[in-house]
Amino acid sequence: MNSYKVIPDSVGARKSFTVTAALREGYGPSGVTHTQEEAVEAILQSLKARAAAGKPFLTGTVCAGEVVYAWPEGAGKAGGGHEPTIQYTGEVNPLYNKDLLDDREAVVAILNELGAALGAALGQTRIYLAYDGQMWILEKEKAVTPTGD
């Protein structure tokens, strides 16, 4: 029988993060749908660049999904749609990221950098991020959404 033991330095508070990005670049029939593999490669390149520079990085898992949304179109009417997405989720690990556990600002900066790299690779206007009970949206500068937001 195999047995396992808890690594003492691996126990700590759970501080989860999520980076969500759509895979469809553009709108309508001219839109390009990127692959999950392209997203994984963009994330991996970002992690490797930080590791090579001796900077902390956040290991996580990529999961494919589908965002479903709606919008009002006047009294009693609504439009809606859906598109493929990926979520990169993980934890600020007490064993591997112990220097980040109490440095919220540093974690947010890492997530913003990763989100921007992912957004650029996938041609996205907005990237949705969450960490430790809070969420925020990164938007490409000078970008406008179809609704004019």
C-alpha atoms as a PDB file:
ATOM      1  CA  MET A   1       0.000   0.000   0.000  1.00  0.00           C
ATOM      2  CA  ASN A   2       1.269   3.480  -0.881  1.00  0.00           C
ATOM      3  CA  SER A   3       1.294   6.085   1.831  1.00  0.00           C
ATOM      4  CA  TYR A   4       1.552   9.850   1.620  1.00  0.00           C
ATOM      5  CA  LYS A   5       2.332  12.554   4.134  1.00  0.00           C
ATOM      6  CA  VAL A   6       1.582  16.264   4.242  1.00  0.00           C
ATOM      7  CA  ILE A   7       4.544  18.464   3.377  1.00  0.00           C
ATOM      8  CA  PRO A   8       4.658  20.835   6.390  1.00  0.00           C
ATOM      9  CA  ASP A   9       5.474  24.004   4.386  1.00  0.00           C
ATOM     10  CA  SER A  10       2.574  23.303   1.980  1.00  0.00           C
ATOM     11  CA  VAL A  11      -0.145  24.137   4.506  1.00  0.00           C
ATOM     12  CA  GLY A  12      -1.568  27.666   4.453  1.00  0.00           C
ATOM     13  CA  ALA A  13      -4.459  29.952   3.658  1.00  0.00           C
ATOM     14  CA  ARG A  14      -6.214  29.338   0.356  1.00  0.00           C
ATOM     15  CA  LYS A  15      -5.857  32.299  -2.022  1.00  0.00           C
ATOM     16  CA  SER A  16      -7.365  31.392  -5.387  1.00  0.00           C
ATOM     17  CA  PHE A  17      -7.010  33.238  -8.676  1.00  0.00           C
ATOM     18  CA  THR A  18      -8.777  33.056 -12.038  1.00  0.00           C
ATOM     19  CA  VAL A  19      -7.989  34.648 -15.383  1.00  0.00           C
ATOM     20  CA  THR A  20     -10.819  34.324 -17.925  1.00  0.00           C
ATOM     21  CA  ALA A  21     -10.479  35.073 -21.629  1.00  0.00           C
ATOM     22  CA  ALA A  22     -12.688  34.533 -24.639  1.00  0.00           C
ATOM     23  CA  LEU A  23     -11.207  32.554 -27.508  1.00  0.00           C
ATOM     24  CA  ARG A  24     -13.142  34.348 -30.261  1.00  0.00           C
ATOM     25  CA  GLU A  25     -11.385  37.408 -31.624  1.00  0.00           C
ATOM     26  CA  GLY A  26     -13.731  39.852 -33.287  1.00  0.00           C
ATOM     27  CA  TYR A  27     -17.435  39.603 -33.987  1.00  0.00           C
ATOM     28  CA  GLY A  28     -19.713  38.082 -36.578  1.00  0.00           C
ATOM     29  CA  PRO A  29     -18.636  35.897 -39.499  1.00  0.00           C
ATOM     30  CA  SER A  30     -15.215  37.555 -39.743  1.00  0.00           C
ATOM     31  CA  GLY A  31     -14.338  36.586 -36.140  1.00  0.00           C
ATOM     32  CA  VAL A  32     -11.428  34.220 -35.585  1.00  0.00           C
ATOM     33  CA  THR A  33     -11.678  31.520 -32.940  1.00  0.00           C
ATOM     34  CA  HIS A  34      -8.373  30.725 -31.256  1.00  0.00           C
ATOM     35  CA  THR A  35      -7.666  27.314 -29.781  1.00  0.00           C
ATOM     36  CA  GLN A  36      -7.182  26.300 -26.180  1.00  0.00           C
ATOM     37  CA  GLU A  37      -3.662  25.291 -27.171  1.00  0.00           C
ATOM     38  CA  GLU A  38      -2.904  28.875 -28.261  1.00  0.00           C
ATOM     39  CA  ALA A  39      -4.054  30.109 -24.864  1.00  0.00           C
ATOM     40  CA  VAL A  40      -1.963  27.489 -23.062  1.00  0.00           C
ATOM     41  CA  GLU A  41       1.096  28.471 -25.095  1.00  0.00           C
ATOM     42  CA  ALA A  42       0.608  32.178 -24.285  1.00  0.00           C
ATOM     43  CA  ILE A  43       0.292  31.394 -20.573  1.00  0.00           C
ATOM     44  CA  LEU A  44       3.304  29.074 -20.652  1.00  0.00           C
ATOM     45  CA  GLN A  45       5.464  31.700 -22.376  1.00  0.00           C
ATOM     46  CA  SER A  46       4.490  34.262 -19.741  1.00  0.00           C
ATOM     47  CA  LEU A  47       5.324  31.864 -16.887  1.00  0.00           C
ATOM     48  CA  LYS A  48       8.647  30.878 -18.457  1.00  0.00           C
ATOM     49  CA  ALA A  49       9.648  34.513 -19.008  1.00  0.00           C
ATOM     50  CA  ARG A  50       9.050  35.276 -15.319  1.00  0.00           C
ATOM     51  CA  ALA A  51      10.880  32.121 -14.209  1.00  0.00           C
ATOM     52  CA  ALA A  52      13.869  32.880 -16.469  1.00  0.00           C
ATOM     53  CA  ALA A  53      14.058  36.388 -14.990  1.00  0.00           C
ATOM     54  CA  GLY A  54      14.030  34.986 -11.444  1.00  0.00           C
ATOM     55  CA  LYS A  55      10.560  36.434 -10.789  1.00  0.00           C
ATOM     56  CA  PRO A  56       7.697  34.619  -9.069  1.00  0.00           C
ATOM     57  CA  PHE A  57       5.023  33.026 -11.246  1.00  0.00           C
ATOM     58  CA  LEU A  58       1.626  31.456 -10.614  1.00  0.00           C
ATOM     59  CA  THR A  59       1.089  27.868 -11.705  1.00  0.00           C
ATOM     60  CA  GLY A  60      -2.457  26.938 -12.626  1.00  0.00           C
ATOM     61  CA  THR A  61      -4.839  24.863 -14.701  1.00  0.00           C
ATOM     62  CA  VAL A  62      -6.487  25.784 -17.995  1.00  0.00           C
ATOM     63  CA  CYS A  63     -10.119  24.748 -18.359  1.00  0.00           C
ATOM     64  CA  ALA A  64     -12.235  25.256 -21.480  1.00  0.00           C
ATOM     65  CA  GLY A  65     -15.725  26.642 -21.191  1.00  0.00           C
ATOM     66  CA  GLU A  66     -18.449  28.653 -22.859  1.00  0.00           C
ATOM     67  CA  VAL A  67     -19.562  32.105 -21.704  1.00  0.00           C
ATOM     68  CA  VAL A  68     -23.287  32.708 -22.159  1.00  0.00           C
ATOM     69  CA  TYR A  69     -24.611  36.277 -22.128  1.00  0.00           C
ATOM     70  CA  ALA A  70     -27.618  38.440 -22.949  1.00  0.00           C
ATOM     71  CA  TRP A  71     -28.332  42.126 -23.527  1.00  0.00           C
ATOM     72  CA  PRO A  72     -31.491  44.242 -23.540  1.00  0.00           C
ATOM     73  CA  GLU A  73     -32.878  45.313 -26.929  1.00  0.00           C
ATOM     74  CA  GLY A  74     -35.776  47.514 -25.899  1.00  0.00           C
ATOM     75  CA  ALA A  75     -38.997  46.826 -24.065  1.00  0.00           C
ATOM     76  CA  GLY A  76     -39.644  43.117 -23.724  1.00  0.00           C
ATOM     77  CA  LYS A  77     -36.799  42.134 -26.064  1.00  0.00           C
ATOM     78  CA  ALA A  78     -33.305  40.796 -25.551  1.00  0.00           C
ATOM     79  CA  GLY A  79     -30.447  39.463 -27.594  1.00  0.00           C
ATOM     80  CA  GLY A  80     -27.971  36.854 -26.480  1.00  0.00           C
ATOM     81  CA  GLY A  81     -25.021  34.805 -27.464  1.00  0.00           C
ATOM     82  CA  HIS A  82     -22.244  32.534 -26.360  1.00  0.00           C
ATOM     83  CA  GLU A  83     -18.613  31.938 -27.205  1.00  0.00           C
ATOM     84  CA  PRO A  84     -15.760  29.657 -26.177  1.00  0.00           C
ATOM     85  CA  THR A  85     -13.539  30.740 -23.291  1.00  0.00           C
ATOM     86  CA  ILE A  86     -10.699  29.503 -21.177  1.00  0.00           C
ATOM     87  CA  GLN A  87     -10.139  29.952 -17.484  1.00  0.00           C
ATOM     88  CA  TYR A  88      -6.682  29.786 -15.964  1.00  0.00           C
ATOM     89  CA  THR A  89      -7.190  28.990 -12.295  1.00  0.00           C
ATOM     90  CA  GLY A  90      -4.874  28.248  -9.427  1.00  0.00           C
ATOM     91  CA  GLU A  91      -3.771  29.023  -5.912  1.00  0.00           C
ATOM     92  CA  VAL A  92      -1.012  31.175  -4.501  1.00  0.00           C
ATOM     93  CA  ASN A  93       0.786  28.119  -3.192  1.00  0.00           C
ATOM     94  CA  PRO A  94       2.197  28.239   0.363  1.00  0.00           C
ATOM     95  CA  LEU A  95       5.088  25.969  -0.663  1.00  0.00           C
ATOM     96  CA  TYR A  96       6.073  27.514  -4.000  1.00  0.00           C
ATOM     97  CA  ASN A  97       4.837  31.107  -3.568  1.00  0.00           C
ATOM     98  CA  LYS A  98       5.491  31.733   0.133  1.00  0.00           C
ATOM     99  CA  ASP A  99       6.907  35.211  -0.590  1.00  0.00           C
ATOM    100  CA  LEU A 100       3.606  36.200  -2.245  1.00  0.00           C
ATOM    101  CA  LEU A 101       1.202  34.979   0.446  1.00  0.00           C
ATOM    102  CA  ASP A 102       0.962  38.366   2.166  1.00  0.00           C
ATOM    103  CA  ASP A 103       1.758  40.538  -0.860  1.00  0.00           C
ATOM    104  CA  ARG A 104      -1.592  41.135  -2.554  1.00  0.00           C
ATOM    105  CA  GLU A 105      -0.164  43.945  -4.683  1.00  0.00           C
ATOM    106  CA  ALA A 106       2.506  41.646  -6.158  1.00  0.00           C
ATOM    107  CA  VAL A 107      -0.038  38.903  -6.959  1.00  0.00           C
ATOM    108  CA  VAL A 108      -2.357  41.411  -8.648  1.00  0.00           C
ATOM    109  CA  ALA A 109       0.582  42.745 -10.699  1.00  0.00           C
ATOM    110  CA  ILE A 110       1.495  39.200 -11.813  1.00  0.00           C
ATOM    111  CA  LEU A 111      -2.124  38.482 -12.761  1.00  0.00           C
ATOM    112  CA  ASN A 112      -2.422  41.780 -14.661  1.00  0.00           C
ATOM    113  CA  GLU A 113       0.773  41.009 -16.581  1.00  0.00           C
ATOM    114  CA  LEU A 114      -0.457  37.509 -17.403  1.00  0.00           C
ATOM    115  CA  GLY A 115      -3.904  38.809 -18.371  1.00  0.00           C
ATOM    116  CA  ALA A 116      -2.407  41.403 -20.708  1.00  0.00           C
ATOM    117  CA  ALA A 117      -0.172  38.790 -22.368  1.00  0.00           C
ATOM    118  CA  LEU A 118      -3.120  36.430 -22.807  1.00  0.00           C
ATOM    119  CA  GLY A 119      -5.346  39.216 -24.142  1.00  0.00           C
ATOM    120  CA  ALA A 120      -2.729  40.247 -26.691  1.00  0.00           C
ATOM    121  CA  ALA A 121      -2.184  36.649 -27.849  1.00  0.00           C
ATOM    122  CA  LEU A 122      -5.922  36.048 -28.278  1.00  0.00           C
ATOM    123  CA  GLY A 123      -6.802  39.496 -29.675  1.00  0.00           C
ATOM    124  CA  GLN A 124      -9.165  40.302 -26.805  1.00  0.00           C
ATOM    125  CA  THR A 125     -10.500  43.694 -25.735  1.00  0.00           C
ATOM    126  CA  ARG A 126     -11.203  42.585 -22.146  1.00  0.00           C
ATOM    127  CA  ILE A 127      -9.806  39.999 -19.754  1.00  0.00           C
ATOM    128  CA  TYR A 128     -11.593  39.106 -16.515  1.00  0.00           C
ATOM    129  CA  LEU A 129      -9.538  38.468 -13.378  1.00  0.00           C
ATOM    130  CA  ALA A 130     -10.276  37.402  -9.813  1.00  0.00           C
ATOM    131  CA  TYR A 131      -8.118  36.928  -6.749  1.00  0.00           C
ATOM    132  CA  ASP A 132      -8.806  36.345  -3.082  1.00  0.00           C
ATOM    133  CA  GLY A 133     -12.466  37.356  -3.154  1.00  0.00           C
ATOM    134  CA  GLN A 134     -12.169  40.326  -5.544  1.00  0.00           C
ATOM    135  CA  MET A 135     -12.552  40.652  -9.301  1.00  0.00           C
ATOM    136  CA  TRP A 136     -11.637  43.247 -11.920  1.00  0.00           C
ATOM    137  CA  ILE A 137     -11.549  43.689 -15.686  1.00  0.00           C
ATOM    138  CA  LEU A 138      -8.515  44.583 -17.777  1.00  0.00           C
ATOM    139  CA  GLU A 139      -9.309  46.462 -20.971  1.00  0.00           C
ATOM    140  CA  LYS A 140      -7.008  47.094 -23.894  1.00  0.00           C
ATOM    141  CA  GLU A 141      -6.240  50.806 -24.102  1.00  0.00           C
ATOM    142  CA  LYS A 142      -8.253  52.765 -26.667  1.00  0.00           C
ATOM    143  CA  ALA A 143     -10.506  49.734 -27.231  1.00  0.00           C
ATOM    144  CA  VAL A 144     -14.257  49.951 -27.670  1.00  0.00           C
ATOM    145  CA  THR A 145     -16.707  47.081 -27.250  1.00  0.00           C
ATOM    146  CA  PRO A 146     -19.644  46.535 -29.651  1.00  0.00           C
ATOM    147  CA  THR A 147     -21.937  48.244 -27.146  1.00  0.00           C
ATOM    148  CA  GLY A 148     -19.636  51.268 -27.007  1.00  0.00           C
ATOM    149  CA  ASP A 149     -18.488  50.568 -23.438  1.00  0.00           C
END
